[in-house]
Amino acid sequence: MRNTLIFLIFLFQANLLTAVPASKPKKFTASRAAKAPGKKPAARQAASRSKKRPAGPRLIAGGPWREPTYADSTLGDVVDGEDLLVRRAAVDALGPYNGSVVVADPQTGRILTIVNQKLALGSGFQPCSTVKIVTAIAGLKEGIIERNTQLRLGRRSTMNLTDALAHSNNPFFARVGTDLGFERVHSYAKLLGLGEKAGLNIEGEFPGVLTPEPPKFGGVGMMTSFGEGIQLTALQLAALLSAIANGGTLYHLQYPRTKEEIANFAPRVKRHLDIQDQIPDVKPGMMAAVDYGTGRRANYDPSEPILGKTGTCTDRATPTHLGWFGSFNEVGRNKLVVVVLLTGGRTVNGPVAAEVAGSVYRNLSSQQFFAVAAQ
């Protein structure tokens, strides 16, 4: 009991570190950098500096990180077969950040664009708090919690699932994970697509990592609140969110690259998930995250709601600081899944990733993308 109490205190302190900043920092965009007198855009500055650096990784100022916060994330991408309108919206939203944006159609599993294909298809990173979606579904399915269950987290503190998702409360999900136990957590993570390739015959894709045993650092509580022991790819998160958005169908993500592949495209179901009863209990928390929680920077128009989950942590294996945001919108029957993964230094976090995702939706909305698709 004493060890559990110490662990929950540690998670409560960690939860404070990952909270949304009280005030929104001044937005930095490529266009502003380009207009600044006597200054180069951050991406160009990073590129010019990289030419002068000696071989081998260097630590990024402010922490034990080896990935730059700013870079040209489009280098090396092949755009054949992509929806160019969606790609332009994603590239513009990402701006100078070093990261990846994946946009998919949750009704079919078709990938419309991948910005920074190398990063998105690579070996993956710690999912940080995006893993809480898996924990929530498992906890609901196994009867550990209900949507309105007020889980006691301290002598005077209780919280329900909606607010726990909205504020990304670590002790809540550590408690749920501990009650579930490792075997059930691992089983649901695997069922929801972790530890296996999300795509169908996508060249260069890695399957990520799903630990076969409780992680040594923090055990199952850290696994279910921070994603310890898991390496998640942007494609895996896109596939999982597609299943939530479409009501429970986990598609093989497909990435058609030629006119022939586009013409012959047909959805391919990986498996049907028996989570129809849990989805309505998870969605309010994802909507609340954007309305008033850690993902509120994604919110741009109440008439075009976005549901999402942020993630902020340091991936110690790389090491790099991470900012995740997995999301989907609800505009009539039209939905897109947008996943943002940012890597870099201390300025990278889930709220910043949420702002990037919100810009993707806003850019497409301004181009009447959702209105045209609805006709």
Protein backbone atom coordinates (compact mmCIF):
# COMPACT_ATOMS: atom_id res chain seq x y z
CA MET A 1 0.00 0.00 0.00
CA ARG A 2 2.83 2.37 0.91
CA ASN A 3 4.59 1.73 -2.46
CA THR A 4 1.34 2.34 -4.33
CA LEU A 5 0.86 5.65 -2.48
CA ILE A 6 4.41 6.78 -3.30
CA PHE A 7 3.89 5.83 -6.95
CA LEU A 8 0.63 7.78 -7.18
CA ILE A 9 2.31 10.84 -5.61
CA PHE A 10 5.05 10.58 -8.24
CA LEU A 11 2.45 10.40 -11.02
CA PHE A 12 0.57 13.38 -9.58
CA GLN A 13 3.77 15.43 -9.70
CA ALA A 14 4.46 14.25 -13.25
CA ASN A 15 0.91 15.22 -14.19
CA LEU A 16 1.62 18.81 -13.14
CA LEU A 17 4.66 18.87 -15.42
CA THR A 18 2.61 17.82 -18.44
CA ALA A 19 -0.26 20.26 -17.87
CA VAL A 20 -1.15 22.94 -20.41
CA PRO A 21 0.76 26.19 -19.84
CA ALA A 22 -1.34 28.85 -18.15
CA SER A 23 -0.85 31.27 -21.01
CA LYS A 24 -0.54 30.55 -24.68
CA PRO A 25 2.95 31.24 -26.02
CA LYS A 26 3.44 33.50 -28.98
CA LYS A 27 2.86 31.49 -32.12
CA PHE A 28 5.87 30.96 -34.34
CA THR A 29 5.24 30.33 -38.01
CA ALA A 30 7.38 30.03 -41.08
CA SER A 31 5.76 33.11 -42.62
CA ARG A 32 6.54 35.29 -39.57
CA ALA A 33 10.11 34.10 -39.54
CA ALA A 34 10.46 34.91 -43.22
CA LYS A 35 9.22 38.47 -42.64
CA ALA A 36 11.44 39.18 -39.64
CA PRO A 37 14.07 41.75 -40.70
CA GLY A 38 17.58 40.42 -40.78
CA LYS A 39 16.56 36.92 -39.68
CA LYS A 40 16.30 33.60 -41.48
CA PRO A 41 13.34 31.26 -40.92
CA ALA A 42 14.07 28.79 -38.13
CA ALA A 43 14.15 25.84 -40.55
CA ARG A 44 16.80 27.60 -42.69
CA GLN A 45 18.77 28.56 -39.59
CA ALA A 46 18.72 24.95 -38.43
CA ALA A 47 19.84 23.78 -41.86
CA SER A 48 22.71 26.28 -42.02
CA ARG A 49 23.83 25.39 -38.49
CA SER A 50 23.77 21.68 -39.27
CA LYS A 51 26.40 22.17 -41.97
CA LYS A 52 28.83 23.54 -39.39
CA ARG A 53 28.26 20.83 -36.78
CA PRO A 54 30.79 18.05 -36.30
CA ALA A 55 29.71 14.50 -37.06
CA GLY A 56 27.73 12.71 -34.36
CA PRO A 57 24.71 13.68 -32.25
CA ARG A 58 24.73 16.67 -29.94
CA LEU A 59 22.54 17.51 -27.00
CA ILE A 60 19.82 20.11 -27.55
CA ALA A 61 19.97 23.03 -25.13
CA GLY A 62 17.60 22.74 -22.19
CA GLY A 63 17.55 18.97 -21.78
CA PRO A 64 19.04 15.58 -22.69
CA TRP A 65 17.60 15.65 -26.21
CA ARG A 66 19.27 14.95 -29.54
CA GLU A 67 16.57 15.98 -32.02
CA PRO A 68 16.23 19.59 -33.23
CA THR A 69 12.94 21.34 -32.61
CA TYR A 70 12.92 22.95 -36.05
CA ALA A 71 13.73 21.39 -39.42
CA ASP A 72 12.41 20.99 -42.95
CA SER A 73 10.12 18.02 -42.33
CA THR A 74 9.30 17.57 -46.02
CA LEU A 75 12.81 16.55 -47.09
CA GLY A 76 12.84 13.18 -48.81
CA ASP A 77 9.06 12.85 -49.04
CA VAL A 78 7.52 11.36 -52.20
CA VAL A 79 4.10 12.87 -52.85
CA ASP A 80 2.94 10.53 -55.63
CA GLY A 81 -0.66 9.49 -55.00
CA GLU A 82 -1.27 11.92 -52.16
CA ASP A 83 -4.20 14.32 -51.95
CA LEU A 84 -2.28 17.50 -52.67
CA LEU A 85 -4.88 19.80 -51.11
CA VAL A 86 -4.64 17.86 -47.85
CA ARG A 87 -0.86 17.79 -48.06
CA ARG A 88 -0.61 21.57 -48.51
CA ALA A 89 -2.86 22.06 -45.49
CA ALA A 90 -0.69 19.74 -43.40
CA VAL A 91 2.64 21.20 -44.51
CA ASP A 92 1.44 24.74 -43.86
CA ALA A 93 0.15 23.75 -40.41
CA LEU A 94 3.38 22.01 -39.41
CA GLY A 95 5.45 25.04 -40.46
CA PRO A 96 9.05 24.95 -39.24
CA TYR A 97 8.57 22.20 -36.64
CA ASN A 98 10.51 18.96 -36.77
CA GLY A 99 7.75 16.39 -36.87
CA SER A 100 5.20 14.44 -38.86
CA VAL A 101 1.55 14.83 -39.82
CA VAL A 102 -0.56 11.86 -40.94
CA VAL A 103 -4.05 12.40 -42.36
CA ALA A 104 -6.34 9.44 -43.08
CA ASP A 105 -9.94 8.72 -44.03
CA PRO A 106 -11.37 6.72 -41.11
CA GLN A 107 -14.21 5.34 -43.21
CA THR A 108 -11.87 3.53 -45.60
CA GLY A 109 -8.39 3.44 -44.07
CA ARG A 110 -6.88 5.39 -46.96
CA ILE A 111 -3.93 7.61 -46.06
CA LEU A 112 -4.31 10.98 -47.77
CA THR A 113 -0.92 12.40 -46.83
CA ILE A 114 2.13 11.72 -44.71
CA VAL A 115 4.39 14.68 -44.01
CA ASN A 116 7.83 13.41 -42.99
CA GLN A 117 7.38 9.86 -44.18
CA LYS A 118 10.64 8.67 -42.66
CA LEU A 119 9.56 9.71 -39.19
CA ALA A 120 5.99 8.40 -39.49
CA LEU A 121 7.03 5.00 -40.84
CA GLY A 122 9.99 4.56 -38.49
CA SER A 123 10.39 2.47 -35.37
CA GLY A 124 8.12 4.67 -33.26
CA PHE A 125 8.32 6.60 -30.01
CA GLN A 126 6.85 6.40 -26.53
CA PRO A 127 3.15 7.26 -26.91
CA CYS A 128 3.13 9.45 -23.78
CA SER A 129 -0.44 10.20 -22.70
CA THR A 130 -2.07 9.11 -25.96
CA VAL A 131 -1.91 5.62 -24.44
CA LYS A 132 -4.68 6.73 -22.08
CA ILE A 133 -7.17 6.04 -24.88
CA VAL A 134 -6.19 2.36 -24.78
CA THR A 135 -6.40 2.34 -20.98
CA ALA A 136 -9.84 3.96 -21.05
CA ILE A 137 -11.25 1.43 -23.49
CA ALA A 138 -9.79 -1.49 -21.55
CA GLY A 139 -11.03 -0.14 -18.21
CA LEU A 140 -14.54 0.40 -19.55
CA LYS A 141 -14.69 -2.95 -21.30
CA GLU A 142 -13.53 -4.84 -18.21
CA GLY A 143 -15.87 -2.99 -15.86
CA ILE A 144 -13.07 -1.35 -13.88
CA ILE A 145 -14.71 2.04 -14.46
CA GLU A 146 -17.81 3.58 -15.98
CA ARG A 147 -17.93 6.98 -17.62
CA ASN A 148 -19.22 8.71 -14.48
CA THR A 149 -17.25 6.70 -11.94
CA GLN A 150 -15.64 9.12 -9.49
CA LEU A 151 -12.29 7.46 -8.90
CA ARG A 152 -10.64 8.46 -5.63
CA LEU A 153 -7.08 9.69 -6.28
CA GLY A 154 -6.28 11.11 -2.87
CA ARG A 155 -7.81 12.01 0.46
CA ARG A 156 -9.85 14.85 -1.04
CA SER A 157 -9.56 14.27 -4.77
CA THR A 158 -11.85 12.35 -7.13
CA MET A 159 -12.23 12.45 -10.91
CA ASN A 160 -14.34 10.80 -13.60
CA LEU A 161 -13.21 9.50 -16.99
CA THR A 162 -14.28 12.54 -19.02
CA ASP A 163 -12.28 14.99 -16.92
CA ALA A 164 -9.36 12.55 -16.63
CA LEU A 165 -9.08 12.39 -20.43
CA ALA A 166 -9.62 16.14 -20.77
CA HIS A 167 -6.85 17.00 -18.32
CA SER A 168 -4.70 13.93 -19.02
CA ASN A 169 -4.63 12.92 -15.37
CA ASN A 170 -1.80 10.46 -14.76
CA PRO A 171 -2.84 9.02 -11.35
CA PHE A 172 -6.32 8.18 -12.73
CA PHE A 173 -4.99 6.04 -15.56
CA ALA A 174 -2.21 4.53 -13.47
CA ARG A 175 -4.89 3.39 -11.03
CA VAL A 176 -7.04 1.92 -13.81
CA GLY A 177 -4.02 0.15 -15.31
CA THR A 178 -2.97 -1.28 -11.95
CA ASP A 179 -6.49 -2.61 -11.38
CA LEU A 180 -6.52 -4.16 -14.85
CA GLY A 181 -3.14 -5.83 -14.45
CA PHE A 182 -0.48 -6.30 -17.10
CA GLU A 183 -2.03 -9.26 -18.93
CA ARG A 184 -5.29 -7.48 -19.67
CA VAL A 185 -3.53 -4.23 -20.55
CA HIS A 186 -1.24 -6.06 -22.98
CA SER A 187 -4.17 -7.93 -24.51
CA TYR A 188 -6.16 -4.76 -25.24
CA ALA A 189 -3.12 -2.90 -26.54
CA LYS A 190 -2.47 -5.73 -29.00
CA LEU A 191 -6.14 -5.92 -29.98
CA LEU A 192 -6.14 -2.18 -30.74
CA GLY A 193 -3.15 -2.50 -33.07
CA LEU A 194 -0.09 -1.75 -30.96
CA GLY A 195 3.02 -3.80 -31.71
CA GLU A 196 1.98 -4.61 -35.29
CA LYS A 197 2.10 -2.79 -38.61
CA ALA A 198 -0.89 -0.54 -39.16
CA GLY A 199 -0.45 -0.37 -42.93
CA LEU A 200 -0.89 -2.88 -45.70
CA ASN A 201 2.27 -3.33 -47.77
CA ILE A 202 3.57 0.16 -47.00
CA GLU A 203 7.26 0.16 -47.82
CA GLY A 204 9.52 1.07 -44.92
CA GLU A 205 6.90 0.76 -42.18
CA PHE A 206 7.98 -0.57 -38.79
CA PRO A 207 5.62 -2.31 -36.34
CA GLY A 208 6.65 -0.37 -33.25
CA VAL A 209 7.14 -2.18 -29.94
CA LEU A 210 4.75 -3.62 -27.35
CA THR A 211 6.61 -4.89 -24.30
CA PRO A 212 5.96 -8.59 -23.51
CA GLU A 213 6.35 -8.00 -19.78
CA PRO A 214 5.68 -5.21 -17.27
CA PRO A 215 8.14 -2.36 -17.83
CA LYS A 216 10.90 -2.13 -15.25
CA PHE A 217 10.43 1.62 -14.83
CA GLY A 218 7.12 2.23 -13.08
CA GLY A 219 5.45 -1.06 -13.97
CA VAL A 220 1.98 -1.26 -15.46
CA GLY A 221 0.97 2.11 -13.95
CA MET A 222 3.56 3.94 -16.03
CA MET A 223 2.63 1.82 -19.03
CA THR A 224 -1.02 2.88 -18.88
CA SER A 225 -0.42 6.56 -18.09
CA PHE A 226 2.78 7.41 -20.02
CA GLY A 227 3.16 4.48 -22.44
CA GLU A 228 6.31 3.10 -20.82
CA GLY A 229 7.45 -0.05 -22.64
CA ILE A 230 5.67 0.91 -25.87
CA GLN A 231 6.95 2.39 -29.11
CA LEU A 232 4.02 3.81 -31.05
CA THR A 233 4.06 4.97 -34.67
CA ALA A 234 1.95 7.78 -36.07
CA LEU A 235 0.29 5.24 -38.37
CA GLN A 236 -0.73 3.02 -35.45
CA LEU A 237 -2.34 5.95 -33.67
CA ALA A 238 -4.11 6.95 -36.90
CA ALA A 239 -5.50 3.41 -37.29
CA LEU A 240 -6.71 3.28 -33.69
CA LEU A 241 -8.41 6.67 -33.91
CA SER A 242 -10.00 5.67 -37.22
CA ALA A 243 -11.61 2.71 -35.45
CA ILE A 244 -13.02 5.00 -32.75
CA ALA A 245 -14.23 7.51 -35.35
CA ASN A 246 -15.98 4.91 -37.52
CA GLY A 247 -17.58 2.92 -34.72
CA GLY A 248 -15.19 0.00 -34.24
CA THR A 249 -13.66 -1.12 -37.55
CA LEU A 250 -9.87 -1.40 -37.53
CA TYR A 251 -8.78 -1.01 -41.14
CA HIS A 252 -5.46 -1.86 -42.71
CA LEU A 253 -4.18 1.61 -43.59
CA GLN A 254 -3.44 1.85 -47.30
CA TYR A 255 -1.26 4.38 -49.05
CA PRO A 256 -1.97 4.28 -52.81
CA ARG A 257 0.93 5.79 -54.75
CA THR A 258 -0.11 5.51 -58.43
CA LYS A 259 -3.19 6.38 -60.49
CA GLU A 260 -3.83 2.67 -60.93
CA GLU A 261 -3.67 2.00 -57.19
CA ILE A 262 -6.02 4.91 -56.53
CA ALA A 263 -8.48 3.70 -59.17
CA ASN A 264 -8.45 0.17 -57.75
CA PHE A 265 -8.49 1.19 -54.10
CA ALA A 266 -10.80 -0.82 -51.86
CA PRO A 267 -10.97 -0.75 -48.05
CA ARG A 268 -9.40 -3.74 -46.28
CA VAL A 269 -10.67 -4.65 -42.83
CA LYS A 270 -8.09 -5.95 -40.36
CA ARG A 271 -10.65 -6.80 -37.68
CA HIS A 272 -13.89 -5.59 -36.17
CA LEU A 273 -13.46 -4.41 -32.59
CA ASP A 274 -16.16 -5.13 -30.04
CA ILE A 275 -15.96 -1.63 -28.53
CA GLN A 276 -19.21 -0.09 -29.78
CA ASP A 277 -20.49 0.29 -26.22
CA GLN A 278 -17.25 1.91 -25.01
CA ILE A 279 -16.81 4.48 -27.79
CA PRO A 280 -19.68 6.73 -26.56
CA ASP A 281 -18.01 6.80 -23.12
CA VAL A 282 -14.56 7.72 -24.47
CA LYS A 283 -15.61 10.38 -26.97
CA PRO A 284 -16.87 12.94 -24.42
CA GLY A 285 -13.44 13.01 -22.78
CA MET A 286 -11.72 13.48 -26.15
CA MET A 287 -14.12 16.29 -26.98
CA ALA A 288 -13.58 17.85 -23.56
CA ALA A 289 -9.81 17.75 -24.13
CA VAL A 290 -10.31 20.13 -27.06
CA ASP A 291 -13.09 22.18 -25.45
CA TYR A 292 -11.35 22.95 -22.14
CA GLY A 293 -8.46 20.55 -21.59
CA THR A 294 -4.94 19.90 -22.76
CA GLY A 295 -5.89 19.96 -26.47
CA ARG A 296 -7.81 23.23 -26.46
CA ARG A 297 -5.40 24.90 -28.89
CA ALA A 298 -6.87 22.67 -31.60
CA ASN A 299 -10.30 24.27 -31.22
CA TYR A 300 -11.06 26.69 -34.05
CA ASP A 301 -14.81 26.42 -34.76
CA PRO A 302 -17.55 25.03 -32.45
CA SER A 303 -19.60 24.06 -35.51
CA GLU A 304 -16.80 21.75 -36.67
CA PRO A 305 -15.92 19.81 -33.48
CA ILE A 306 -12.61 18.04 -33.03
CA LEU A 307 -12.01 15.17 -30.63
CA GLY A 308 -8.46 14.41 -29.56
CA LYS A 309 -5.85 13.37 -27.04
CA THR A 310 -2.52 15.03 -26.31
CA GLY A 311 0.72 13.41 -25.22
CA THR A 312 3.84 15.02 -23.74
CA CYS A 313 6.92 13.24 -22.41
CA THR A 314 10.59 12.51 -23.04
CA ASP A 315 11.41 9.39 -25.01
CA ARG A 316 14.47 8.22 -23.09
CA ALA A 317 15.50 5.73 -25.77
CA THR A 318 16.15 8.42 -28.38
CA PRO A 319 16.33 10.69 -26.38
CA THR A 320 13.94 13.39 -27.56
CA HIS A 321 11.10 15.38 -26.11
CA LEU A 322 7.77 14.54 -27.73
CA GLY A 323 4.51 16.27 -28.50
CA TRP A 324 1.65 14.04 -29.70
CA PHE A 325 -1.89 14.84 -30.74
CA GLY A 326 -4.22 12.23 -32.18
CA SER A 327 -7.60 13.47 -33.37
CA PHE A 328 -10.61 13.20 -35.63
CA ASN A 329 -13.30 15.69 -36.56
CA GLU A 330 -17.04 15.33 -36.80
CA VAL A 331 -18.62 17.33 -39.61
CA GLY A 332 -21.75 15.46 -40.61
CA ARG A 333 -20.71 12.20 -42.21
CA ASN A 334 -17.33 13.60 -43.17
CA LYS A 335 -14.44 12.80 -40.89
CA LEU A 336 -10.69 12.95 -41.09
CA VAL A 337 -8.13 11.55 -38.71
CA VAL A 338 -5.18 13.86 -38.10
CA VAL A 339 -2.17 12.68 -36.08
CA VAL A 340 0.66 15.06 -35.23
CA LEU A 341 3.99 13.94 -33.79
CA LEU A 342 6.57 16.59 -32.86
CA THR A 343 10.15 15.83 -31.78
CA GLY A 344 12.73 18.20 -30.36
CA GLY A 345 13.47 20.15 -27.21
CA ARG A 346 11.53 21.56 -24.29
CA THR A 347 9.20 23.75 -26.40
CA VAL A 348 7.68 20.63 -27.96
CA ASN A 349 4.57 19.28 -26.21
CA GLY A 350 1.07 17.95 -26.75
CA PRO A 351 -0.67 21.35 -26.71
CA VAL A 352 1.63 22.58 -29.49
CA ALA A 353 0.88 19.42 -31.49
CA ALA A 354 -2.83 20.08 -30.93
CA GLU A 355 -2.43 23.58 -32.35
CA VAL A 356 -0.79 22.12 -35.48
CA ALA A 357 -3.66 19.64 -35.92
CA GLY A 358 -6.24 22.37 -35.45
CA SER A 359 -4.52 24.34 -38.19
CA VAL A 360 -4.81 21.36 -40.55
CA TYR A 361 -8.58 21.22 -40.06
CA ARG A 362 -8.90 25.01 -40.28
CA ASN A 363 -6.86 25.16 -43.49
CA LEU A 364 -9.04 22.51 -45.10
CA SER A 365 -12.24 24.12 -43.88
CA SER A 366 -11.20 27.45 -45.44
CA GLN A 367 -10.81 25.60 -48.74
CA GLN A 368 -14.37 24.20 -48.41
CA PHE A 369 -12.86 20.71 -48.22
CA PHE A 370 -15.55 19.33 -45.91
CA ALA A 371 -18.38 21.09 -47.74
CA VAL A 372 -17.25 19.74 -51.12
CA ALA A 373 -16.83 16.22 -49.75
CA ALA A 374 -20.36 16.30 -48.37
CA GLN A 375 -21.99 16.85 -51.78
